[in-house]
Amino acid sequence: MLDELAARFGLRIDWGDDVDDDDFLEHAEVPALVNVAFDRLREHHYTLWTYETGEHAQAGFITRQRDDEALRMVAGALGFHVRTGAL
């Protein structure tokens, strides 16, 4: 899902391994993958945001880094508890 979101901005996330390898995915932890994606996107001045869904699912979105402060204000006003990077 993160690869698809990044592609919409013309970006590619370097996961440091082959994400098509079943062994890699079997041992991958969601928080670690989110941290890698956050770091790679920051290199291009984008921010990966995550928020709690109240379920056992992960949710998030990508914005321009220059919009970080405004996003925090808007998310807070809407009652979203967003954070950057790790879940």
N, C-alpha and C. Protein backbone atom coordinates (compact mmCIF):
# COMPACT_ATOMS: atom_id res chain seq x y z
N MET A 1 0.82 -1.17 0.00
CA MET A 1 0.00 0.00 0.00
C MET A 1 0.87 1.25 0.00
N LEU A 2 1.95 1.25 0.78
CA LEU A 2 2.82 2.42 0.82
C LEU A 2 3.53 2.66 -0.51
N ASP A 3 3.89 1.58 -1.20
CA ASP A 3 4.49 1.75 -2.52
C ASP A 3 3.52 2.44 -3.47
N GLU A 4 2.26 2.07 -3.42
CA GLU A 4 1.25 2.68 -4.28
C GLU A 4 1.06 4.16 -3.95
N LEU A 5 0.99 4.49 -2.66
CA LEU A 5 0.85 5.89 -2.26
C LEU A 5 2.06 6.71 -2.72
N ALA A 6 3.25 6.19 -2.50
CA ALA A 6 4.47 6.90 -2.91
C ALA A 6 4.51 7.11 -4.42
N ALA A 7 4.08 6.10 -5.17
CA ALA A 7 4.09 6.20 -6.63
C ALA A 7 3.20 7.33 -7.12
N ARG A 8 2.16 7.64 -6.40
CA ARG A 8 1.26 8.74 -6.78
C ARG A 8 1.97 10.09 -6.71
N PHE A 9 3.06 10.14 -5.94
CA PHE A 9 3.88 11.35 -5.85
C PHE A 9 5.13 11.23 -6.72
N GLY A 10 5.21 10.17 -7.50
CA GLY A 10 6.36 9.95 -8.35
C GLY A 10 7.58 9.46 -7.59
N LEU A 11 7.35 8.83 -6.44
CA LEU A 11 8.44 8.36 -5.58
C LEU A 11 8.46 6.85 -5.50
N ARG A 12 9.61 6.32 -5.14
CA ARG A 12 9.77 4.89 -4.91
C ARG A 12 10.44 4.71 -3.57
N ILE A 13 9.92 3.82 -2.74
CA ILE A 13 10.50 3.55 -1.42
C ILE A 13 11.53 2.44 -1.55
N ASP A 14 12.73 2.71 -1.12
CA ASP A 14 13.78 1.69 -1.08
C ASP A 14 13.68 0.98 0.27
N TRP A 15 13.15 -0.23 0.25
CA TRP A 15 12.92 -0.99 1.47
C TRP A 15 14.18 -1.64 2.00
N GLY A 16 15.25 -1.61 1.22
CA GLY A 16 16.50 -2.23 1.65
C GLY A 16 16.52 -3.73 1.45
N ASP A 17 15.48 -4.26 0.86
CA ASP A 17 15.37 -5.70 0.60
C ASP A 17 14.33 -5.90 -0.50
N ASP A 18 14.18 -7.12 -0.94
CA ASP A 18 13.23 -7.44 -1.99
C ASP A 18 11.85 -7.68 -1.38
N VAL A 19 10.95 -6.74 -1.54
CA VAL A 19 9.61 -6.87 -0.94
C VAL A 19 8.77 -7.93 -1.62
N ASP A 20 9.20 -8.42 -2.77
CA ASP A 20 8.49 -9.51 -3.44
C ASP A 20 8.92 -10.87 -2.91
N ASP A 21 9.94 -10.89 -2.06
CA ASP A 21 10.44 -12.12 -1.47
C ASP A 21 9.54 -12.51 -0.30
N ASP A 22 8.93 -13.68 -0.40
CA ASP A 22 8.01 -14.14 0.65
C ASP A 22 8.67 -14.20 2.02
N ASP A 23 9.94 -14.57 2.06
CA ASP A 23 10.65 -14.66 3.34
C ASP A 23 10.79 -13.28 3.98
N PHE A 24 11.07 -12.27 3.18
CA PHE A 24 11.17 -10.90 3.70
C PHE A 24 9.84 -10.47 4.31
N LEU A 25 8.76 -10.66 3.57
CA LEU A 25 7.45 -10.24 4.06
C LEU A 25 6.99 -11.03 5.27
N GLU A 26 7.35 -12.30 5.32
CA GLU A 26 6.95 -13.15 6.45
C GLU A 26 7.55 -12.64 7.76
N HIS A 27 8.74 -12.08 7.69
CA HIS A 27 9.43 -11.63 8.90
C HIS A 27 9.32 -10.12 9.13
N ALA A 28 8.69 -9.40 8.21
CA ALA A 28 8.60 -7.95 8.33
C ALA A 28 7.58 -7.56 9.39
N GLU A 29 7.92 -6.56 10.16
CA GLU A 29 7.02 -6.00 11.17
C GLU A 29 6.49 -4.67 10.65
N VAL A 30 5.20 -4.43 10.84
CA VAL A 30 4.58 -3.20 10.32
C VAL A 30 5.28 -1.94 10.84
N PRO A 31 5.54 -1.81 12.14
CA PRO A 31 6.22 -0.58 12.61
C PRO A 31 7.59 -0.37 11.95
N ALA A 32 8.34 -1.42 11.73
CA ALA A 32 9.64 -1.29 11.08
C ALA A 32 9.49 -0.82 9.63
N LEU A 33 8.51 -1.37 8.92
CA LEU A 33 8.27 -0.96 7.54
C LEU A 33 7.81 0.50 7.47
N VAL A 34 6.98 0.90 8.40
CA VAL A 34 6.52 2.29 8.44
C VAL A 34 7.70 3.23 8.69
N ASN A 35 8.60 2.83 9.59
CA ASN A 35 9.78 3.67 9.86
C ASN A 35 10.66 3.81 8.62
N VAL A 36 10.87 2.72 7.90
CA VAL A 36 11.67 2.77 6.67
C VAL A 36 11.01 3.71 5.66
N ALA A 37 9.71 3.54 5.48
CA ALA A 37 8.99 4.39 4.52
C ALA A 37 9.06 5.86 4.93
N PHE A 38 8.89 6.13 6.22
CA PHE A 38 8.98 7.51 6.71
C PHE A 38 10.34 8.11 6.37
N ASP A 39 11.41 7.39 6.69
CA ASP A 39 12.77 7.88 6.43
C ASP A 39 13.02 8.11 4.95
N ARG A 40 12.60 7.16 4.09
CA ARG A 40 12.83 7.31 2.66
C ARG A 40 12.02 8.49 2.08
N LEU A 41 10.80 8.68 2.56
CA LEU A 41 9.97 9.78 2.05
C LEU A 41 10.50 11.13 2.50
N ARG A 42 11.04 11.21 3.71
CA ARG A 42 11.60 12.47 4.22
C ARG A 42 12.77 12.93 3.35
N GLU A 43 13.49 11.98 2.77
CA GLU A 43 14.60 12.33 1.88
C GLU A 43 14.12 13.17 0.70
N HIS A 44 12.83 13.06 0.38
CA HIS A 44 12.24 13.78 -0.75
C HIS A 44 11.27 14.87 -0.27
N HIS A 45 11.31 15.18 1.03
CA HIS A 45 10.50 16.25 1.63
C HIS A 45 9.01 15.91 1.69
N TYR A 46 8.73 14.64 1.95
CA TYR A 46 7.36 14.20 2.19
C TYR A 46 7.28 13.59 3.58
N THR A 47 6.09 13.57 4.14
CA THR A 47 5.88 13.02 5.47
C THR A 47 4.85 11.90 5.40
N LEU A 48 5.18 10.78 6.02
CA LEU A 48 4.23 9.68 6.17
C LEU A 48 3.56 9.84 7.53
N TRP A 49 2.25 9.91 7.51
CA TRP A 49 1.45 10.05 8.73
C TRP A 49 0.69 8.75 8.98
N THR A 50 0.53 8.41 10.23
CA THR A 50 -0.30 7.27 10.60
C THR A 50 -1.30 7.72 11.66
N TYR A 51 -2.38 6.99 11.76
CA TYR A 51 -3.34 7.29 12.82
C TYR A 51 -4.04 6.01 13.24
N GLU A 52 -4.56 6.05 14.44
CA GLU A 52 -5.24 4.89 15.01
C GLU A 52 -6.65 4.79 14.44
N THR A 53 -6.99 3.60 14.02
CA THR A 53 -8.32 3.38 13.44
C THR A 53 -9.32 2.84 14.45
N GLY A 54 -8.81 2.43 15.61
CA GLY A 54 -9.69 1.80 16.59
C GLY A 54 -9.89 0.32 16.31
N GLU A 55 -9.29 -0.16 15.27
CA GLU A 55 -9.36 -1.56 14.86
C GLU A 55 -7.94 -2.12 14.86
N HIS A 56 -7.78 -3.33 14.39
CA HIS A 56 -6.45 -3.92 14.25
C HIS A 56 -5.91 -3.67 12.84
N ALA A 57 -6.21 -2.51 12.32
CA ALA A 57 -5.75 -2.13 10.98
C ALA A 57 -4.89 -0.88 11.10
N GLN A 58 -4.05 -0.69 10.12
CA GLN A 58 -3.20 0.48 10.07
C GLN A 58 -3.75 1.43 9.02
N ALA A 59 -3.65 2.72 9.27
CA ALA A 59 -4.09 3.71 8.29
C ALA A 59 -3.09 4.86 8.26
N GLY A 60 -3.00 5.48 7.11
CA GLY A 60 -2.09 6.60 7.01
C GLY A 60 -2.20 7.30 5.68
N PHE A 61 -1.39 8.34 5.53
CA PHE A 61 -1.38 9.12 4.30
C PHE A 61 -0.05 9.84 4.20
N ILE A 62 0.19 10.44 3.03
CA ILE A 62 1.44 11.14 2.75
C ILE A 62 1.12 12.59 2.41
N THR A 63 1.92 13.51 2.96
CA THR A 63 1.78 14.92 2.63
C THR A 63 3.16 15.52 2.35
N ARG A 64 3.18 16.73 1.83
CA ARG A 64 4.43 17.46 1.67
C ARG A 64 4.93 17.84 3.06
N GLN A 65 6.22 17.80 3.26
CA GLN A 65 6.81 18.12 4.55
C GLN A 65 6.47 19.55 4.97
N ARG A 66 6.39 20.45 4.03
CA ARG A 66 6.10 21.85 4.35
C ARG A 66 4.71 22.03 4.97
N ASP A 67 3.85 21.02 4.84
CA ASP A 67 2.49 21.10 5.38
C ASP A 67 2.35 20.44 6.75
N ASP A 68 3.46 20.02 7.36
CA ASP A 68 3.40 19.28 8.63
C ASP A 68 2.65 20.04 9.72
N GLU A 69 3.00 21.29 9.95
CA GLU A 69 2.38 22.05 11.04
C GLU A 69 0.89 22.26 10.78
N ALA A 70 0.55 22.63 9.55
CA ALA A 70 -0.86 22.84 9.22
C ALA A 70 -1.66 21.55 9.36
N LEU A 71 -1.06 20.44 8.96
CA LEU A 71 -1.76 19.16 9.06
C LEU A 71 -2.05 18.81 10.51
N ARG A 72 -1.08 19.05 11.38
CA ARG A 72 -1.31 18.77 12.81
C ARG A 72 -2.49 19.58 13.34
N MET A 73 -2.57 20.83 12.95
CA MET A 73 -3.67 21.69 13.41
C MET A 73 -5.01 21.20 12.88
N VAL A 74 -5.08 20.89 11.59
CA VAL A 74 -6.34 20.43 10.99
C VAL A 74 -6.74 19.08 11.57
N ALA A 75 -5.80 18.16 11.68
CA ALA A 75 -6.10 16.83 12.23
C ALA A 75 -6.61 16.95 13.66
N GLY A 76 -5.96 17.81 14.46
CA GLY A 76 -6.41 18.01 15.83
C GLY A 76 -7.81 18.56 15.90
N ALA A 77 -8.12 19.51 15.02
CA ALA A 77 -9.46 20.10 14.99
C ALA A 77 -10.52 19.07 14.59
N LEU A 78 -10.11 18.10 13.77
CA LEU A 78 -11.05 17.06 13.33
C LEU A 78 -11.09 15.86 14.29
N GLY A 79 -10.23 15.88 15.30
CA GLY A 79 -10.22 14.79 16.28
C GLY A 79 -9.38 13.59 15.87
N PHE A 80 -8.51 13.75 14.86
CA PHE A 80 -7.59 12.67 14.47
C PHE A 80 -6.34 12.76 15.32
N HIS A 81 -5.91 11.65 15.84
CA HIS A 81 -4.66 11.59 16.60
C HIS A 81 -3.59 11.05 15.66
N VAL A 82 -3.01 11.95 14.87
CA VAL A 82 -2.01 11.55 13.88
C VAL A 82 -0.61 11.63 14.48
N ARG A 83 0.26 10.84 13.88
CA ARG A 83 1.67 10.93 14.24
C ARG A 83 2.50 10.61 13.00
N THR A 84 3.72 11.06 13.02
CA THR A 84 4.60 10.79 11.89
C THR A 84 5.36 9.51 12.16
N GLY A 85 5.72 8.83 11.09
CA GLY A 85 6.56 7.64 11.23
C GLY A 85 5.89 6.48 11.90
N ALA A 86 6.57 5.95 12.93
CA ALA A 86 6.17 4.70 13.55
C ALA A 86 4.76 4.74 14.15
N LEU A 87 4.18 3.58 14.18
CA LEU A 87 2.83 3.42 14.75
C LEU A 87 2.90 3.30 16.24
